[in-house]
Amino acid sequence: MTERPRKSIRANRVNRPLQRVRDRFSYDDPDKRLLAEIAEQVIEQRIARDLSQKELADLCATSQPAIARLESGARPARIDTLQRIASALDCELEVRFRPRTKTKEKRNED
């Protein structure tokens, strides 16, 4: 029996859940794209730290099904939940407003 290289096992462990998220969402819809991007980042960071959904849930005082819903994009997470997840993953949570159109000041400058 041939052993599979550890790297390919790890790649599959990351790629399968990410592909499910990508297949589920239309990235043309900005709202759905945001949910998918958050889900992808949580999956990537959780797996990089070798945590199961249950272990992550325990670290941020939530349930495994809540983590699964967030990772599947089934439901948007609240900001306080994202903060707890980011803290458990030793990450910084950034939330920004980026204008899609020119602001009033910018229009007056033109």
N, C-alpha and C. Protein backbone atom coordinates (compact mmCIF):
# COMPACT_ATOMS: atom_id res chain seq x y z
N MET A 1 0.84 -1.18 0.00
CA MET A 1 0.00 0.00 0.00
C MET A 1 0.89 1.24 0.00
N THR A 2 0.56 2.18 -0.86
CA THR A 2 1.35 3.40 -0.98
C THR A 2 0.74 4.49 -0.11
N GLU A 3 1.59 5.17 0.63
CA GLU A 3 1.11 6.28 1.45
C GLU A 3 1.01 7.52 0.59
N ARG A 4 -0.10 8.25 0.79
CA ARG A 4 -0.25 9.52 0.09
C ARG A 4 0.58 10.57 0.81
N PRO A 5 1.21 11.45 0.08
CA PRO A 5 1.98 12.52 0.73
C PRO A 5 1.06 13.37 1.60
N ARG A 6 1.58 13.77 2.74
CA ARG A 6 0.80 14.57 3.68
C ARG A 6 0.30 15.88 3.06
N LYS A 7 1.10 16.46 2.21
CA LYS A 7 0.73 17.73 1.60
C LYS A 7 -0.56 17.60 0.78
N SER A 8 -0.73 16.51 0.02
CA SER A 8 -1.94 16.37 -0.78
C SER A 8 -3.16 16.13 0.10
N ILE A 9 -2.97 15.43 1.22
CA ILE A 9 -4.09 15.24 2.15
C ILE A 9 -4.51 16.60 2.70
N ARG A 10 -3.54 17.40 3.11
CA ARG A 10 -3.83 18.74 3.63
C ARG A 10 -4.49 19.62 2.56
N ALA A 11 -4.00 19.53 1.34
CA ALA A 11 -4.58 20.33 0.25
C ALA A 11 -6.04 19.95 0.04
N ASN A 12 -6.34 18.65 0.06
CA ASN A 12 -7.73 18.22 -0.09
C ASN A 12 -8.58 18.69 1.08
N ARG A 13 -8.01 18.66 2.27
CA ARG A 13 -8.74 19.09 3.46
C ARG A 13 -9.14 20.56 3.35
N VAL A 14 -8.31 21.36 2.72
CA VAL A 14 -8.61 22.78 2.53
C VAL A 14 -9.48 22.98 1.30
N ASN A 15 -9.13 22.33 0.20
CA ASN A 15 -9.78 22.60 -1.08
C ASN A 15 -11.23 22.14 -1.15
N ARG A 16 -11.56 21.01 -0.54
CA ARG A 16 -12.94 20.52 -0.62
C ARG A 16 -13.94 21.50 -0.01
N PRO A 17 -13.74 21.95 1.24
CA PRO A 17 -14.72 22.90 1.79
C PRO A 17 -14.73 24.23 1.03
N LEU A 18 -13.56 24.67 0.57
CA LEU A 18 -13.52 25.92 -0.19
C LEU A 18 -14.28 25.78 -1.50
N GLN A 19 -14.13 24.64 -2.18
CA GLN A 19 -14.83 24.44 -3.44
C GLN A 19 -16.33 24.39 -3.23
N ARG A 20 -16.79 23.79 -2.12
CA ARG A 20 -18.22 23.76 -1.83
C ARG A 20 -18.77 25.18 -1.67
N VAL A 21 -18.01 26.04 -0.98
CA VAL A 21 -18.44 27.43 -0.81
C VAL A 21 -18.48 28.13 -2.16
N ARG A 22 -17.45 27.93 -2.96
CA ARG A 22 -17.40 28.59 -4.27
C ARG A 22 -18.51 28.10 -5.20
N ASP A 23 -18.83 26.82 -5.12
CA ASP A 23 -19.91 26.27 -5.96
C ASP A 23 -21.27 26.81 -5.53
N ARG A 24 -21.43 27.07 -4.26
CA ARG A 24 -22.72 27.49 -3.72
C ARG A 24 -23.07 28.94 -4.07
N PHE A 25 -22.07 29.79 -4.21
CA PHE A 25 -22.33 31.21 -4.35
C PHE A 25 -22.06 31.74 -5.74
N SER A 26 -22.86 32.72 -6.11
CA SER A 26 -22.59 33.51 -7.30
C SER A 26 -21.77 34.70 -6.84
N TYR A 27 -20.56 34.78 -7.31
CA TYR A 27 -19.69 35.88 -6.88
C TYR A 27 -20.06 37.20 -7.56
N ASP A 28 -21.09 37.17 -8.41
CA ASP A 28 -21.56 38.39 -9.05
C ASP A 28 -22.40 39.22 -8.09
N ASP A 29 -23.01 38.59 -7.11
CA ASP A 29 -23.85 39.27 -6.13
C ASP A 29 -22.95 39.73 -4.98
N PRO A 30 -22.79 41.05 -4.77
CA PRO A 30 -21.88 41.55 -3.74
C PRO A 30 -22.18 41.03 -2.34
N ASP A 31 -23.45 40.87 -2.00
CA ASP A 31 -23.80 40.38 -0.66
C ASP A 31 -23.37 38.93 -0.49
N LYS A 32 -23.64 38.12 -1.48
CA LYS A 32 -23.26 36.71 -1.41
C LYS A 32 -21.75 36.54 -1.51
N ARG A 33 -21.12 37.40 -2.28
CA ARG A 33 -19.66 37.35 -2.40
C ARG A 33 -19.01 37.62 -1.04
N LEU A 34 -19.55 38.56 -0.28
CA LEU A 34 -19.01 38.87 1.04
C LEU A 34 -19.14 37.66 1.97
N LEU A 35 -20.32 37.02 1.98
CA LEU A 35 -20.51 35.83 2.81
C LEU A 35 -19.53 34.73 2.42
N ALA A 36 -19.34 34.55 1.12
CA ALA A 36 -18.43 33.52 0.64
C ALA A 36 -16.98 33.84 1.02
N GLU A 37 -16.60 35.09 0.92
CA GLU A 37 -15.23 35.48 1.27
C GLU A 37 -14.97 35.27 2.75
N ILE A 38 -15.94 35.61 3.58
CA ILE A 38 -15.80 35.39 5.03
C ILE A 38 -15.68 33.89 5.30
N ALA A 39 -16.56 33.11 4.68
CA ALA A 39 -16.53 31.66 4.87
C ALA A 39 -15.17 31.09 4.46
N GLU A 40 -14.66 31.51 3.31
CA GLU A 40 -13.38 31.02 2.83
C GLU A 40 -12.26 31.35 3.81
N GLN A 41 -12.26 32.57 4.34
CA GLN A 41 -11.21 32.97 5.26
C GLN A 41 -11.27 32.18 6.57
N VAL A 42 -12.47 31.95 7.07
CA VAL A 42 -12.60 31.16 8.30
C VAL A 42 -12.11 29.74 8.06
N ILE A 43 -12.52 29.13 6.95
CA ILE A 43 -12.08 27.77 6.63
C ILE A 43 -10.55 27.71 6.53
N GLU A 44 -9.98 28.64 5.77
CA GLU A 44 -8.53 28.64 5.57
C GLU A 44 -7.78 28.78 6.89
N GLN A 45 -8.23 29.73 7.73
CA GLN A 45 -7.54 29.97 8.99
C GLN A 45 -7.74 28.82 9.98
N ARG A 46 -8.93 28.26 10.00
CA ARG A 46 -9.20 27.14 10.90
C ARG A 46 -8.32 25.94 10.54
N ILE A 47 -8.25 25.63 9.25
CA ILE A 47 -7.47 24.48 8.81
C ILE A 47 -5.98 24.75 8.97
N ALA A 48 -5.55 25.98 8.75
CA ALA A 48 -4.13 26.33 8.93
C ALA A 48 -3.69 26.10 10.38
N ARG A 49 -4.64 26.22 11.29
CA ARG A 49 -4.34 26.01 12.71
C ARG A 49 -4.71 24.59 13.16
N ASP A 50 -5.05 23.75 12.19
CA ASP A 50 -5.36 22.35 12.44
C ASP A 50 -6.47 22.18 13.48
N LEU A 51 -7.52 22.99 13.34
CA LEU A 51 -8.67 22.92 14.24
C LEU A 51 -9.87 22.32 13.52
N SER A 52 -10.63 21.53 14.23
CA SER A 52 -11.91 21.06 13.70
C SER A 52 -12.94 22.16 13.94
N GLN A 53 -14.09 22.02 13.31
CA GLN A 53 -15.16 22.99 13.56
C GLN A 53 -15.54 22.98 15.05
N LYS A 54 -15.59 21.81 15.65
CA LYS A 54 -15.95 21.67 17.07
C LYS A 54 -14.92 22.37 17.95
N GLU A 55 -13.64 22.19 17.65
CA GLU A 55 -12.60 22.84 18.44
C GLU A 55 -12.67 24.35 18.33
N LEU A 56 -12.90 24.84 17.12
CA LEU A 56 -13.05 26.29 16.94
C LEU A 56 -14.27 26.79 17.70
N ALA A 57 -15.36 26.07 17.60
CA ALA A 57 -16.59 26.46 18.31
C ALA A 57 -16.34 26.55 19.81
N ASP A 58 -15.64 25.58 20.37
CA ASP A 58 -15.33 25.59 21.80
C ASP A 58 -14.48 26.80 22.17
N LEU A 59 -13.52 27.15 21.30
CA LEU A 59 -12.64 28.29 21.57
C LEU A 59 -13.37 29.63 21.56
N CYS A 60 -14.45 29.71 20.79
CA CYS A 60 -15.15 31.01 20.69
C CYS A 60 -16.56 30.96 21.27
N ALA A 61 -16.80 29.99 22.13
CA ALA A 61 -18.06 29.91 22.89
C ALA A 61 -19.29 29.92 21.99
N THR A 62 -19.25 29.08 20.98
CA THR A 62 -20.42 28.90 20.12
C THR A 62 -20.55 27.41 19.85
N SER A 63 -21.45 27.05 18.97
CA SER A 63 -21.67 25.63 18.67
C SER A 63 -21.02 25.24 17.35
N GLN A 64 -20.74 23.95 17.20
CA GLN A 64 -20.19 23.45 15.94
C GLN A 64 -21.16 23.71 14.78
N PRO A 65 -22.49 23.51 14.97
CA PRO A 65 -23.39 23.82 13.85
C PRO A 65 -23.34 25.30 13.44
N ALA A 66 -23.09 26.19 14.39
CA ALA A 66 -22.97 27.62 14.04
C ALA A 66 -21.75 27.86 13.15
N ILE A 67 -20.65 27.19 13.48
CA ILE A 67 -19.44 27.31 12.64
C ILE A 67 -19.70 26.70 11.27
N ALA A 68 -20.38 25.57 11.23
CA ALA A 68 -20.70 24.93 9.94
C ALA A 68 -21.58 25.83 9.09
N ARG A 69 -22.57 26.48 9.69
CA ARG A 69 -23.44 27.39 8.93
C ARG A 69 -22.65 28.56 8.38
N LEU A 70 -21.75 29.11 9.19
CA LEU A 70 -20.93 30.24 8.74
C LEU A 70 -20.03 29.79 7.58
N GLU A 71 -19.39 28.63 7.74
CA GLU A 71 -18.49 28.14 6.70
C GLU A 71 -19.21 27.74 5.42
N SER A 72 -20.47 27.39 5.53
CA SER A 72 -21.23 27.03 4.32
C SER A 72 -21.85 28.26 3.69
N GLY A 73 -21.83 29.37 4.41
CA GLY A 73 -22.45 30.59 3.91
C GLY A 73 -23.95 30.57 4.06
N ALA A 74 -24.47 29.62 4.83
CA ALA A 74 -25.92 29.49 4.98
C ALA A 74 -26.53 30.66 5.74
N ARG A 75 -25.76 31.23 6.65
CA ARG A 75 -26.25 32.36 7.44
C ARG A 75 -25.12 33.34 7.71
N PRO A 76 -25.40 34.62 7.63
CA PRO A 76 -24.34 35.58 7.96
C PRO A 76 -24.09 35.58 9.46
N ALA A 77 -22.85 35.77 9.83
CA ALA A 77 -22.49 35.84 11.24
C ALA A 77 -22.62 37.27 11.75
N ARG A 78 -22.92 37.39 13.02
CA ARG A 78 -22.95 38.71 13.64
C ARG A 78 -21.51 39.17 13.86
N ILE A 79 -21.34 40.47 13.96
CA ILE A 79 -20.00 41.04 14.16
C ILE A 79 -19.36 40.50 15.43
N ASP A 80 -20.11 40.40 16.52
CA ASP A 80 -19.51 39.89 17.76
C ASP A 80 -19.06 38.44 17.61
N THR A 81 -19.78 37.66 16.83
CA THR A 81 -19.36 36.28 16.57
C THR A 81 -18.08 36.26 15.74
N LEU A 82 -18.02 37.11 14.73
CA LEU A 82 -16.81 37.19 13.91
C LEU A 82 -15.61 37.63 14.74
N GLN A 83 -15.83 38.54 15.70
CA GLN A 83 -14.75 38.98 16.57
C GLN A 83 -14.24 37.82 17.42
N ARG A 84 -15.14 37.02 17.97
CA ARG A 84 -14.74 35.87 18.78
C ARG A 84 -13.99 34.84 17.93
N ILE A 85 -14.48 34.62 16.71
CA ILE A 85 -13.81 33.67 15.81
C ILE A 85 -12.42 34.18 15.46
N ALA A 86 -12.32 35.46 15.11
CA ALA A 86 -11.01 36.04 14.78
C ALA A 86 -10.05 35.91 15.95
N SER A 87 -10.52 36.18 17.14
CA SER A 87 -9.68 36.06 18.33
C SER A 87 -9.23 34.61 18.53
N ALA A 88 -10.15 33.66 18.38
CA ALA A 88 -9.83 32.24 18.55
C ALA A 88 -8.81 31.79 17.50
N LEU A 89 -8.84 32.40 16.33
CA LEU A 89 -7.93 32.04 15.24
C LEU A 89 -6.67 32.90 15.25
N ASP A 90 -6.53 33.74 16.29
CA ASP A 90 -5.39 34.65 16.41
C ASP A 90 -5.26 35.53 15.16
N CYS A 91 -6.40 36.08 14.75
CA CYS A 91 -6.45 36.95 13.58
C CYS A 91 -7.04 38.30 13.98
N GLU A 92 -6.80 39.27 13.14
CA GLU A 92 -7.38 40.59 13.32
C GLU A 92 -8.59 40.69 12.39
N LEU A 93 -9.71 41.13 12.92
CA LEU A 93 -10.91 41.32 12.10
C LEU A 93 -10.93 42.76 11.60
N GLU A 94 -11.02 42.91 10.29
CA GLU A 94 -11.11 44.23 9.67
C GLU A 94 -12.46 44.39 9.02
N VAL A 95 -13.11 45.50 9.30
CA VAL A 95 -14.37 45.83 8.63
C VAL A 95 -14.19 47.24 8.10
N ARG A 96 -14.39 47.42 6.80
CA ARG A 96 -14.19 48.73 6.19
C ARG A 96 -15.37 49.08 5.30
N PHE A 97 -15.61 50.35 5.19
CA PHE A 97 -16.56 50.86 4.21
C PHE A 97 -15.74 51.48 3.09
N ARG A 98 -15.90 50.95 1.89
CA ARG A 98 -15.22 51.49 0.72
C ARG A 98 -16.27 52.08 -0.20
N PRO A 99 -16.16 53.36 -0.51
CA PRO A 99 -17.16 53.97 -1.39
C PRO A 99 -17.17 53.32 -2.77
N ARG A 100 -18.37 53.06 -3.28
CA ARG A 100 -18.51 52.53 -4.64
C ARG A 100 -18.67 53.67 -5.63
N THR A 101 -19.08 54.81 -5.12
CA THR A 101 -19.25 56.00 -5.96
C THR A 101 -18.44 57.14 -5.35
N LYS A 102 -18.32 58.21 -6.08
CA LYS A 102 -17.59 59.36 -5.56
C LYS A 102 -18.38 60.01 -4.44
N THR A 103 -17.67 60.47 -3.42
CA THR A 103 -18.33 61.18 -2.33
C THR A 103 -18.61 62.61 -2.78
N LYS A 104 -19.42 63.30 -2.03
CA LYS A 104 -19.80 64.67 -2.38
C LYS A 104 -18.56 65.55 -2.54
N GLU A 105 -17.60 65.43 -1.65
CA GLU A 105 -16.37 66.22 -1.73
C GLU A 105 -15.60 65.92 -3.00
N LYS A 106 -15.50 64.66 -3.36
CA LYS A 106 -14.76 64.26 -4.56
C LYS A 106 -15.45 64.77 -5.82
N ARG A 107 -16.79 64.77 -5.83
CA ARG A 107 -17.51 65.28 -7.01
C ARG A 107 -17.26 66.77 -7.18
N ASN A 108 -17.19 67.51 -6.09
CA ASN A 108 -16.97 68.96 -6.16
C ASN A 108 -15.55 69.30 -6.61
N GLU A 109 -14.60 68.41 -6.35
CA GLU A 109 -13.22 68.64 -6.77
C GLU A 109 -13.06 68.48 -8.28
N ASP A 110 -13.90 67.66 -8.89
CA ASP A 110 -13.76 67.39 -10.34
C ASP A 110 -14.20 68.53 -11.21
